[in-house]
Each structure stands twice: as C-alpha cells, then as structure tokens.
PDB file of N, CA and C in Angstrom:
ATOM      1  N   MET A   1     111.657  28.708  82.582  1.00  0.00           N
ATOM      2  CA  MET A   1     111.128  27.851  82.892  1.00  0.00           C
ATOM      3  C   MET A   1     109.171  29.126  82.395  1.00  0.00           C
ATOM      4  N   ALA A   2     108.109  28.043  81.983  1.00  0.00           N
ATOM      5  CA  ALA A   2     107.590  29.605  81.613  1.00  0.00           C
ATOM      6  C   ALA A   2     105.863  28.480  81.812  1.00  0.00           C
ATOM      7  N   PHE A   3     105.007  29.399  81.683  1.00  0.00           N
ATOM      8  CA  PHE A   3     103.977  28.514  81.640  1.00  0.00           C
ATOM      9  C   PHE A   3     103.011  29.350  81.654  1.00  0.00           C
ATOM     10  N   TYR A   4     101.618  29.233  80.766  1.00  0.00           N
ATOM     11  CA  TYR A   4     100.188  29.630  80.882  1.00  0.00           C
ATOM     12  C   TYR A   4      99.856  28.680  80.777  1.00  0.00           C
ATOM     13  N   ARG A   5      98.189  29.434  80.931  1.00  0.00           N
ATOM     14  CA  ARG A   5      97.191  28.490  80.759  1.00  0.00           C
ATOM     15  C   ARG A   5      96.320  27.711  80.063  1.00  0.00           C
ATOM     16  N   ARG A   6      96.176  26.967  80.299  1.00  0.00           N
ATOM     17  CA  ARG A   6      95.291  26.277  78.657  1.00  0.00           C
ATOM     18  C   ARG A   6      93.798  25.981  79.373  1.00  0.00           C
ATOM     19  N   GLY A   7      93.317  25.901  78.238  1.00  0.00           N
ATOM     20  CA  GLY A   7      91.973  25.484  78.710  1.00  0.00           C
ATOM     21  C   GLY A   7      91.089  27.039  78.801  1.00  0.00           C
ATOM     22  N   LYS A   8      89.800  26.821  79.665  1.00  0.00           N
ATOM     23  CA  LYS A   8      89.512  27.807  80.119  1.00  0.00           C
ATOM     24  C   LYS A   8      89.999  28.164  81.909  1.00  0.00           C
ATOM     25  N   ILE A   9      90.064  28.991  82.298  1.00  0.00           N
ATOM     26  CA  ILE A   9      90.159  29.819  83.096  1.00  0.00           C
ATOM     27  C   ILE A   9      89.254  30.707  83.880  1.00  0.00           C
ATOM     28  N   SER A  10      89.144  29.623  85.061  1.00  0.00           N
ATOM     29  CA  SER A  10      87.701  30.811  85.711  1.00  0.00           C
ATOM     30  C   SER A  10      88.981  32.151  86.198  1.00  0.00           C
ATOM     31  N   CYS A  11      88.257  33.395  86.567  1.00  0.00           N
ATOM     32  CA  CYS A  11      88.588  34.610  86.908  1.00  0.00           C
ATOM     33  C   CYS A  11      87.842  34.817  87.885  1.00  0.00           C
ATOM     34  N   PRO A  12      87.817  35.174  89.341  1.00  0.00           N
ATOM     35  CA  PRO A  12      87.075  35.930  89.852  1.00  0.00           C
ATOM     36  C   PRO A  12      86.785  37.417  90.562  1.00  0.00           C
ATOM     37  N   ALA A  13      85.552  37.240  90.308  1.00  0.00           N
ATOM     38  CA  ALA A  13      85.595  39.142  90.415  1.00  0.00           C
ATOM     39  C   ALA A  13      86.624  39.606  91.616  1.00  0.00           C
ATOM     40  N   GLY A  14      87.372  40.455  91.734  1.00  0.00           N
ATOM     41  CA  GLY A  14      87.898  41.361  92.258  1.00  0.00           C
ATOM     42  C   GLY A  14      89.252  40.710  93.037  1.00  0.00           C
ATOM     43  N   ARG A  15      89.750  39.662  92.366  1.00  0.00           N
ATOM     44  CA  ARG A  15      91.485  39.204  92.432  1.00  0.00           C
ATOM     45  C   ARG A  15      91.742  38.762  91.425  1.00  0.00           C
ATOM     46  N   TRP A  16      92.910  39.234  91.877  1.00  0.00           N
ATOM     47  CA  TRP A  16      93.763  39.186  90.601  1.00  0.00           C
ATOM     48  C   TRP A  16      94.330  37.628  90.608  1.00  0.00           C
ATOM     49  N   THR A  17      94.537  37.290  89.249  1.00  0.00           N
ATOM     50  CA  THR A  17      94.389  35.716  88.855  1.00  0.00           C
ATOM     51  C   THR A  17      95.838  35.538  87.598  1.00  0.00           C
ATOM     52  N   THR A  18      96.583  35.006  88.090  1.00  0.00           N
ATOM     53  CA  THR A  18      97.719  35.306  86.260  1.00  0.00           C
ATOM     54  C   THR A  18      97.142  34.281  85.529  1.00  0.00           C
ATOM     55  N   LEU A  19      97.566  35.080  84.645  1.00  0.00           N
ATOM     56  CA  LEU A  19      97.460  34.080  83.599  1.00  0.00           C
ATOM     57  C   LEU A  19      98.869  33.316  82.512  1.00  0.00           C
ATOM     58  N   ILE A  20      99.737  34.721  81.930  1.00  0.00           N
ATOM     59  CA  ILE A  20     100.873  33.807  81.982  1.00  0.00           C
ATOM     60  C   ILE A  20     101.961  34.398  83.029  1.00  0.00           C
ATOM     61  N   SER A  21     102.703  34.000  82.950  1.00  0.00           N
ATOM     62  CA  SER A  21     104.139  33.706  84.144  1.00  0.00           C
ATOM     63  C   SER A  21     105.373  32.723  83.696  1.00  0.00           C
ATOM     64  N   ASN A  22     106.042  33.760  83.327  1.00  0.00           N
ATOM     65  CA  ASN A  22     107.408  33.355  82.248  1.00  0.00           C
ATOM     66  C   ASN A  22     108.896  33.730  82.517  1.00  0.00           C
ATOM     67  N   PHE A  23     109.332  32.916  83.108  1.00  0.00           N
ATOM     68  CA  PHE A  23     110.686  32.957  83.693  1.00  0.00           C
ATOM     69  C   PHE A  23     111.935  32.843  82.450  1.00  0.00           C
ATOM     70  N   GLY A  24     113.237  33.528  81.635  1.00  0.00           N
ATOM     71  CA  GLY A  24     113.959  32.434  81.063  1.00  0.00           C
ATOM     72  C   GLY A  24     114.286  32.110  79.742  1.00  0.00           C
ATOM     73  N   THR A  25     112.713  32.535  79.222  1.00  0.00           N
ATOM     74  CA  THR A  25     112.365  31.840  78.050  1.00  0.00           C
ATOM     75  C   THR A  25     112.200  33.254  77.090  1.00  0.00           C
ATOM     76  N   GLY A  26     113.205  33.678  76.462  1.00  0.00           N
ATOM     77  CA  GLY A  26     113.782  34.622  75.268  1.00  0.00           C
ATOM     78  C   GLY A  26     113.162  35.362  73.907  1.00  0.00           C
ATOM     79  N   MET A  27     111.949  34.375  73.593  1.00  0.00           N
ATOM     80  CA  MET A  27     111.624  33.994  72.164  1.00  0.00           C
ATOM     81  C   MET A  27     110.341  35.117  72.184  1.00  0.00           C
ATOM     82  N   PRO A  28     110.235  36.014  71.076  1.00  0.00           N
ATOM     83  CA  PRO A  28     108.970  36.608  71.135  1.00  0.00           C
ATOM     84  C   PRO A  28     107.822  35.151  70.899  1.00  0.00           C
ATOM     85  N   LYS A  29     106.768  35.924  71.985  1.00  0.00           N
ATOM     86  CA  LYS A  29     105.554  34.896  71.332  1.00  0.00           C
ATOM     87  C   LYS A  29     104.200  35.911  71.471  1.00  0.00           C
ATOM     88  N   THR A  30     103.620  36.208  70.510  1.00  0.00           N
ATOM     89  CA  THR A  30     102.098  36.522  70.848  1.00  0.00           C
ATOM     90  C   THR A  30     100.654  35.286  71.880  1.00  0.00           C
ATOM     91  N   PHE A  31     100.369  36.062  73.006  1.00  0.00           N
ATOM     92  CA  PHE A  31      98.831  35.455  73.853  1.00  0.00           C
ATOM     93  C   PHE A  31      97.828  36.187  72.980  1.00  0.00           C
ATOM     94  N   THR A  32      97.037  35.391  72.721  1.00  0.00           N
ATOM     95  CA  THR A  32      95.648  35.620  72.601  1.00  0.00           C
ATOM     96  C   THR A  32      94.517  35.160  73.590  1.00  0.00           C
ATOM     97  N   VAL A  33      94.551  35.891  73.807  1.00  0.00           N
ATOM     98  CA  VAL A  33      93.189  35.353  75.296  1.00  0.00           C
ATOM     99  C   VAL A  33      91.671  36.308  75.258  1.00  0.00           C
ATOM    100  N   ALA A  34      90.523  34.767  75.032  1.00  0.00           N
ATOM    101  CA  ALA A  34      89.232  35.073  74.613  1.00  0.00           C
ATOM    102  C   ALA A  34      88.467  35.388  76.171  1.00  0.00           C
ATOM    103  N   PHE A  35      87.665  36.472  76.374  1.00  0.00           N
ATOM    104  CA  PHE A  35      87.046  36.710  78.195  1.00  0.00           C
ATOM    105  C   PHE A  35      85.597  36.480  77.751  1.00  0.00           C
ATOM    106  N   HIS A  36      84.779  35.663  78.756  1.00  0.00           N
ATOM    107  CA  HIS A  36      83.861  35.787  78.401  1.00  0.00           C
ATOM    108  C   HIS A  36      82.672  35.364  79.805  1.00  0.00           C
ATOM    109  N   THR A  37      81.774  35.713  79.772  1.00  0.00           N
ATOM    110  CA  THR A  37      81.231  35.906  81.616  1.00  0.00           C
ATOM    111  C   THR A  37      79.998  34.766  81.351  1.00  0.00           C
ATOM    112  N   GLU A  38      78.979  34.125  82.289  1.00  0.00           N
ATOM    113  CA  GLU A  38      78.106  32.607  82.158  1.00  0.00           C
ATOM    114  C   GLU A  38      76.576  34.135  81.773  1.00  0.00           C
ATOM    115  N   SER A  39      77.179  35.520  82.896  1.00  0.00           N
ATOM    116  CA  SER A  39      75.882  36.216  82.857  1.00  0.00           C
ATOM    117  C   SER A  39      75.404  36.721  81.620  1.00  0.00           C
ATOM    118  N   ARG A  40      76.299  36.876  80.450  1.00  0.00           N
ATOM    119  CA  ARG A  40      76.165  37.581  79.518  1.00  0.00           C
ATOM    120  C   ARG A  40      76.704  38.754  79.277  1.00  0.00           C
ATOM    121  N   ARG A  41      77.000  39.896  80.717  1.00  0.00           N
ATOM    122  CA  ARG A  41      77.351  40.873  80.510  1.00  0.00           C
ATOM    123  C   ARG A  41      78.151  41.358  80.170  1.00  0.00           C
ATOM    124  N   ASP A  42      78.762  42.480  80.634  1.00  0.00           N
ATOM    125  CA  ASP A  42      79.677  43.832  79.793  1.00  0.00           C
ATOM    126  C   ASP A  42      81.507  43.059  80.359  1.00  0.00           C
ATOM    127  N   ILE A  43      81.864  42.589  79.665  1.00  0.00           N
ATOM    128  CA  ILE A  43      83.469  42.364  80.470  1.00  0.00           C
ATOM    129  C   ILE A  43      83.857  43.821  80.632  1.00  0.00           C
ATOM    130  N   SER A  44      84.233  43.607  82.212  1.00  0.00           N
ATOM    131  CA  SER A  44      85.223  44.747  82.625  1.00  0.00           C
ATOM    132  C   SER A  44      85.836  44.259  83.958  1.00  0.00           C
ATOM    133  N   GLY A  45      86.915  45.651  83.730  1.00  0.00           N
ATOM    134  CA  GLY A  45      87.845  45.269  85.210  1.00  0.00           C
ATOM    135  C   GLY A  45      89.388  45.518  84.081  1.00  0.00           C
ATOM    136  N   GLU A  46      90.563  45.050  84.852  1.00  0.00           N
ATOM    137  CA  GLU A  46      91.580  44.898  84.080  1.00  0.00           C
ATOM    138  C   GLU A  46      92.925  44.480  84.382  1.00  0.00           C
ATOM    139  N   PHE A  47      93.945  44.587  83.800  1.00  0.00           N
ATOM    140  CA  PHE A  47      94.824  43.946  83.534  1.00  0.00           C
ATOM    141  C   PHE A  47      96.182  44.239  84.150  1.00  0.00           C
ATOM    142  N   LEU A  48      97.360  43.178  83.692  1.00  0.00           N
ATOM    143  CA  LEU A  48      98.627  44.051  84.937  1.00  0.00           C
ATOM    144  C   LEU A  48      99.551  43.139  83.435  1.00  0.00           C
ATOM    145  N   GLU A  49      99.839  43.942  83.238  1.00  0.00           N
ATOM    146  CA  GLU A  49     101.632  43.555  82.125  1.00  0.00           C
ATOM    147  C   GLU A  49     102.808  43.086  82.524  1.00  0.00           C
ATOM    148  N   LYS A  50     103.879  42.841  83.292  1.00  0.00           N
ATOM    149  CA  LYS A  50     105.516  43.534  83.561  1.00  0.00           C
ATOM    150  C   LYS A  50     106.225  42.113  82.123  1.00  0.00           C
ATOM    151  N   LYS A  51     107.323  43.348  81.870  1.00  0.00           N
ATOM    152  CA  LYS A  51     108.082  43.145  81.206  1.00  0.00           C
ATOM    153  C   LYS A  51     109.404  42.879  81.343  1.00  0.00           C
ATOM    154  N   TYR A  52     110.111  42.512  81.768  1.00  0.00           N
ATOM    155  CA  TYR A  52     111.499  42.746  82.028  1.00  0.00           C
ATOM    156  C   TYR A  52     112.780  42.301  80.867  1.00  0.00           C
ATOM    157  N   THR A  53     113.859  43.196  80.175  1.00  0.00           N
ATOM    158  CA  THR A  53     114.613  43.247  79.661  1.00  0.00           C
ATOM    159  C   THR A  53     115.515  42.432  80.098  1.00  0.00           C
ATOM    160  N   TRP A  54     115.631  41.388  79.903  1.00  0.00           N
ATOM    161  CA  TRP A  54     116.739  39.990  80.830  1.00  0.00           C
ATOM    162  C   TRP A  54     116.349  40.439  81.696  1.00  0.00           C
ATOM    163  N   ILE A  55     117.541  41.135  83.098  1.00  0.00           N
ATOM    164  CA  ILE A  55     116.504  41.021  84.722  1.00  0.00           C
ATOM    165  C   ILE A  55     116.032  42.040  85.194  1.00  0.00           C
ATOM    166  N   PHE A  56     116.262  43.085  83.323  1.00  0.00           N
ATOM    167  CA  PHE A  56     115.416  44.477  84.234  1.00  0.00           C
ATOM    168  C   PHE A  56     114.465  44.976  83.867  1.00  0.00           C
ATOM    169  N   PRO A  57     113.661  45.219  85.275  1.00  0.00           N
ATOM    170  CA  PRO A  57     112.370  45.456  84.889  1.00  0.00           C
ATOM    171  C   PRO A  57     111.449  46.647  83.626  1.00  0.00           C
ATOM    172  N   LYS A  58     110.902  46.717  82.866  1.00  0.00           N
ATOM    173  CA  LYS A  58     110.456  47.709  82.804  1.00  0.00           C
ATOM    174  C   LYS A  58     109.078  47.987  82.920  1.00  0.00           C
ATOM    175  N   LYS A  59     108.447  49.200  82.328  1.00  0.00           N
ATOM    176  CA  LYS A  59     107.211  49.973  83.502  1.00  0.00           C
ATOM    177  C   LYS A  59     106.500  48.624  83.375  1.00  0.00           C
ATOM    178  N   PRO A  60     105.419  48.482  84.601  1.00  0.00           N
ATOM    179  CA  PRO A  60     104.544  48.038  84.432  1.00  0.00           C
ATOM    180  C   PRO A  60     103.314  48.316  83.472  1.00  0.00           C
ATOM    181  N   VAL A  61     102.365  48.046  82.180  1.00  0.00           N
ATOM    182  CA  VAL A  61     101.510  48.621  81.843  1.00  0.00           C
ATOM    183  C   VAL A  61     100.101  47.942  82.231  1.00  0.00           C
ATOM    184  N   ARG A  62      99.180  48.570  82.547  1.00  0.00           N
ATOM    185  CA  ARG A  62      97.470  48.846  82.708  1.00  0.00           C
ATOM    186  C   ARG A  62      96.773  49.063  81.861  1.00  0.00           C
ATOM    187  N   GLY A  63      95.330  48.422  82.190  1.00  0.00           N
ATOM    188  CA  GLY A  63      94.493  48.241  80.916  1.00  0.00           C
ATOM    189  C   GLY A  63      93.478  48.406  81.431  1.00  0.00           C
ATOM    190  N   ALA A  64      92.315  48.220  80.761  1.00  0.00           N
ATOM    191  CA  ALA A  64      91.313  47.952  80.896  1.00  0.00           C
ATOM    192  C   ALA A  64      91.068  46.613  79.893  1.00  0.00           C
ATOM    193  N   LEU A  65      90.101  45.682  80.775  1.00  0.00           N
ATOM    194  CA  LEU A  65      90.208  44.788  79.572  1.00  0.00           C
ATOM    195  C   LEU A  65      89.479  44.510  78.759  1.00  0.00           C
ATOM    196  N   VAL A  66      88.974  44.014  77.403  1.00  0.00           N
ATOM    197  CA  VAL A  66      87.967  43.947  76.424  1.00  0.00           C
ATOM    198  C   VAL A  66      87.930  42.053  76.023  1.00  0.00           C
ATOM    199  N   PRO A  67      86.727  41.868  75.371  1.00  0.00           N
ATOM    200  CA  PRO A  67      86.951  40.783  75.115  1.00  0.00           C
ATOM    201  C   PRO A  67      87.701  39.995  74.517  1.00  0.00           C
ATOM    202  N   LEU A  68      88.791  40.551  73.706  1.00  0.00           N
ATOM    203  CA  LEU A  68      89.867  39.963  73.388  1.00  0.00           C
ATOM    204  C   LEU A  68      90.625  40.437  73.513  1.00  0.00           C
ATOM    205  N   MET A  69      91.573  40.406  73.569  1.00  0.00           N
ATOM    206  CA  MET A  69      92.949  40.276  74.048  1.00  0.00           C
ATOM    207  C   MET A  69      94.375  39.686  73.269  1.00  0.00           C
ATOM    208  N   GLU A  70      95.210  40.514  73.106  1.00  0.00           N
ATOM    209  CA  GLU A  70      96.308  39.469  72.675  1.00  0.00           C
ATOM    210  C   GLU A  70      97.797  40.004  73.953  1.00  0.00           C
ATOM    211  N   PHE A  71      98.883  39.528  73.572  1.00  0.00           N
ATOM    212  CA  PHE A  71      99.853  40.292  75.020  1.00  0.00           C
ATOM    213  C   PHE A  71     100.929  39.680  74.124  1.00  0.00           C
ATOM    214  N   ASN A  72     101.781  40.427  73.897  1.00  0.00           N
ATOM    215  CA  ASN A  72     103.193  40.322  73.283  1.00  0.00           C
ATOM    216  C   ASN A  72     104.239  40.774  74.071  1.00  0.00           C
ATOM    217  N   ARG A  73     105.051  38.704  73.966  1.00  0.00           N
ATOM    218  CA  ARG A  73     105.681  38.293  74.939  1.00  0.00           C
ATOM    219  C   ARG A  73     107.502  38.893  73.878  1.00  0.00           C
ATOM    220  N   GLU A  74     107.533  39.908  73.930  1.00  0.00           N
ATOM    221  CA  GLU A  74     108.928  40.427  72.868  1.00  0.00           C
ATOM    222  C   GLU A  74     110.368  39.816  73.169  1.00  0.00           C
ATOM    223  N   TRP A  75     111.096  39.595  72.368  1.00  0.00           N
ATOM    224  CA  TRP A  75     112.378  39.325  72.605  1.00  0.00           C
ATOM    225  C   TRP A  75     113.194  39.722  73.582  1.00  0.00           C
ATOM    226  N   ILE A  76     113.997  38.938  74.264  1.00  0.00           N
ATOM    227  CA  ILE A  76     114.513  38.728  75.818  1.00  0.00           C
ATOM    228  C   ILE A  76     113.587  39.458  77.389  1.00  0.00           C
ATOM    229  N   ASN A  77     112.582  39.423  76.539  1.00  0.00           N
ATOM    230  CA  ASN A  77     111.621  39.587  77.702  1.00  0.00           C
ATOM    231  C   ASN A  77     111.589  38.441  78.377  1.00  0.00           C
ATOM    232  N   GLY A  78     113.236  38.315  79.870  1.00  0.00           N
ATOM    233  CA  GLY A  78     113.227  37.067  80.381  1.00  0.00           C
ATOM    234  C   GLY A  78     112.254  36.568  81.885  1.00  0.00           C
ATOM    235  N   ILE A  79     111.788  37.793  82.385  1.00  0.00           N
ATOM    236  CA  ILE A  79     110.699  37.851  82.682  1.00  0.00           C
ATOM    237  C   ILE A  79     109.423  38.525  82.676  1.00  0.00           C
ATOM    238  N   TYR A  80     108.455  37.891  82.430  1.00  0.00           N
ATOM    239  CA  TYR A  80     107.288  38.871  81.716  1.00  0.00           C
ATOM    240  C   TYR A  80     105.925  37.475  82.627  1.00  0.00           C
ATOM    241  N   THR A  81     104.969  38.155  82.594  1.00  0.00           N
ATOM    242  CA  THR A  81     103.921  37.777  83.641  1.00  0.00           C
ATOM    243  C   THR A  81     102.661  38.776  82.817  1.00  0.00           C
ATOM    244  N   VAL A  82     101.392  38.400  82.991  1.00  0.00           N
ATOM    245  CA  VAL A  82      99.966  38.938  82.960  1.00  0.00           C
ATOM    246  C   VAL A  82      99.019  38.467  83.929  1.00  0.00           C
ATOM    247  N   LYS A  83      98.591  39.106  84.997  1.00  0.00           N
ATOM    248  CA  LYS A  83      97.273  39.224  85.547  1.00  0.00           C
ATOM    249  C   LYS A  83      96.256  39.544  85.161  1.00  0.00           C
ATOM    250  N   VAL A  84      95.417  39.288  85.705  1.00  0.00           N
ATOM    251  CA  VAL A  84      93.889  40.498  85.381  1.00  0.00           C
ATOM    252  C   VAL A  84      92.703  40.318  86.383  1.00  0.00           C
ATOM    253  N   ARG A  85      92.516  41.406  86.653  1.00  0.00           N
ATOM    254  CA  ARG A  85      91.494  41.259  87.699  1.00  0.00           C
ATOM    255  C   ARG A  85      89.997  42.439  87.076  1.00  0.00           C
ATOM    256  N   PRO A  86      89.156  40.698  87.354  1.00  0.00           N
ATOM    257  CA  PRO A  86      87.994  41.471  86.362  1.00  0.00           C
ATOM    258  C   PRO A  86      86.378  42.255  87.603  1.00  0.00           C
ATOM    259  N   ASP A  87      85.660  42.860  87.180  1.00  0.00           N
ATOM    260  CA  ASP A  87      85.058  43.355  87.897  1.00  0.00           C
ATOM    261  C   ASP A  87      84.449  42.411  87.893  1.00  0.00           C
ATOM    262  N   ILE A  88      83.267  41.759  87.332  1.00  0.00           N
ATOM    263  CA  ILE A  88      82.267  40.195  87.190  1.00  0.00           C
ATOM    264  C   ILE A  88      83.298  39.373  87.052  1.00  0.00           C
ATOM    265  N   ASP A  89      82.932  38.415  87.129  1.00  0.00           N
ATOM    266  CA  ASP A  89      83.468  37.135  87.590  1.00  0.00           C
ATOM    267  C   ASP A  89      83.729  36.628  85.965  1.00  0.00           C
ATOM    268  N   LEU A  90      84.572  36.268  85.679  1.00  0.00           N
ATOM    269  CA  LEU A  90      84.946  35.976  84.099  1.00  0.00           C
ATOM    270  C   LEU A  90      85.428  34.444  83.878  1.00  0.00           C
ATOM    271  N   MET A  91      85.356  34.120  82.568  1.00  0.00           N
ATOM    272  CA  MET A  91      86.458  32.849  82.312  1.00  0.00           C
ATOM    273  C   MET A  91      87.147  33.443  81.013  1.00  0.00           C
ATOM    274  N   ALA A  92      88.421  32.600  80.471  1.00  0.00           N
ATOM    275  CA  ALA A  92      89.533  33.398  79.676  1.00  0.00           C
ATOM    276  C   ALA A  92      90.054  32.252  79.443  1.00  0.00           C
ATOM    277  N   GLU A  93      90.062  32.292  77.956  1.00  0.00           N
ATOM    278  CA  GLU A  93      90.435  30.565  77.165  1.00  0.00           C
ATOM    279  C   GLU A  93      91.557  31.667  76.090  1.00  0.00           C
ATOM    280  N   PHE A  94      93.019  30.657  76.416  1.00  0.00           N
ATOM    281  CA  PHE A  94      93.457  30.939  75.157  1.00  0.00           C
ATOM    282  C   PHE A  94      93.219  30.350  73.594  1.00  0.00           C
ATOM    283  N   LYS A  95      93.594  31.366  73.198  1.00  0.00           N
ATOM    284  CA  LYS A  95      92.099  30.713  71.216  1.00  0.00           C
ATOM    285  C   LYS A  95      94.129  30.677  70.569  1.00  0.00           C
TER     286      LYS A  95
END
C-alpha cells in the first residue's frame, strides 16, 4: 500500500504533516514537492525521511526545508515515509 498526497497540502506551523507514506512498494521513484506560503515569507522548517531496506530500518534523514525539494525512494525501500514540520504555515504541492 502506498500513498502520496496530490494537489495542495496544508502544512501547519509546528506540526508534523505526512506527505508520503509507503508500505510494500519496492520500485524507485522520485517525488518533487514545491513549498510556498500565502504571506510570501521565506520557507523554513525541517523534513524527516525514513527509509527501510525491505523491513530493516536505515538511519532517518533530517534536513531543512527549501522551496523545491526532491525525495528519492530507492529500490526495495519497502517502507518509506516523508514528513515535514514547517516554522510557518506552508502549502506543499507535488510536481
């Protein structure tokens, strides 16, 4: 079972929002996400990307949000999630 949200996703400030949740899909895929604000303020916050090789967890990756990001599910990442926690209210959109 896999999902990633389509269209515009509201990402409230200070709260984790799941953008991608994947279980059981092992094929590679690149997800491109654009972030923007209604107030035209700078994008800030963090992301958390978790990958598993089949059912074995890899070290989570954390980083800063930027306006345009790519997340790469690699071959046999049977469990894969991406969450974001912005410092200000953001909108996320898959490209």
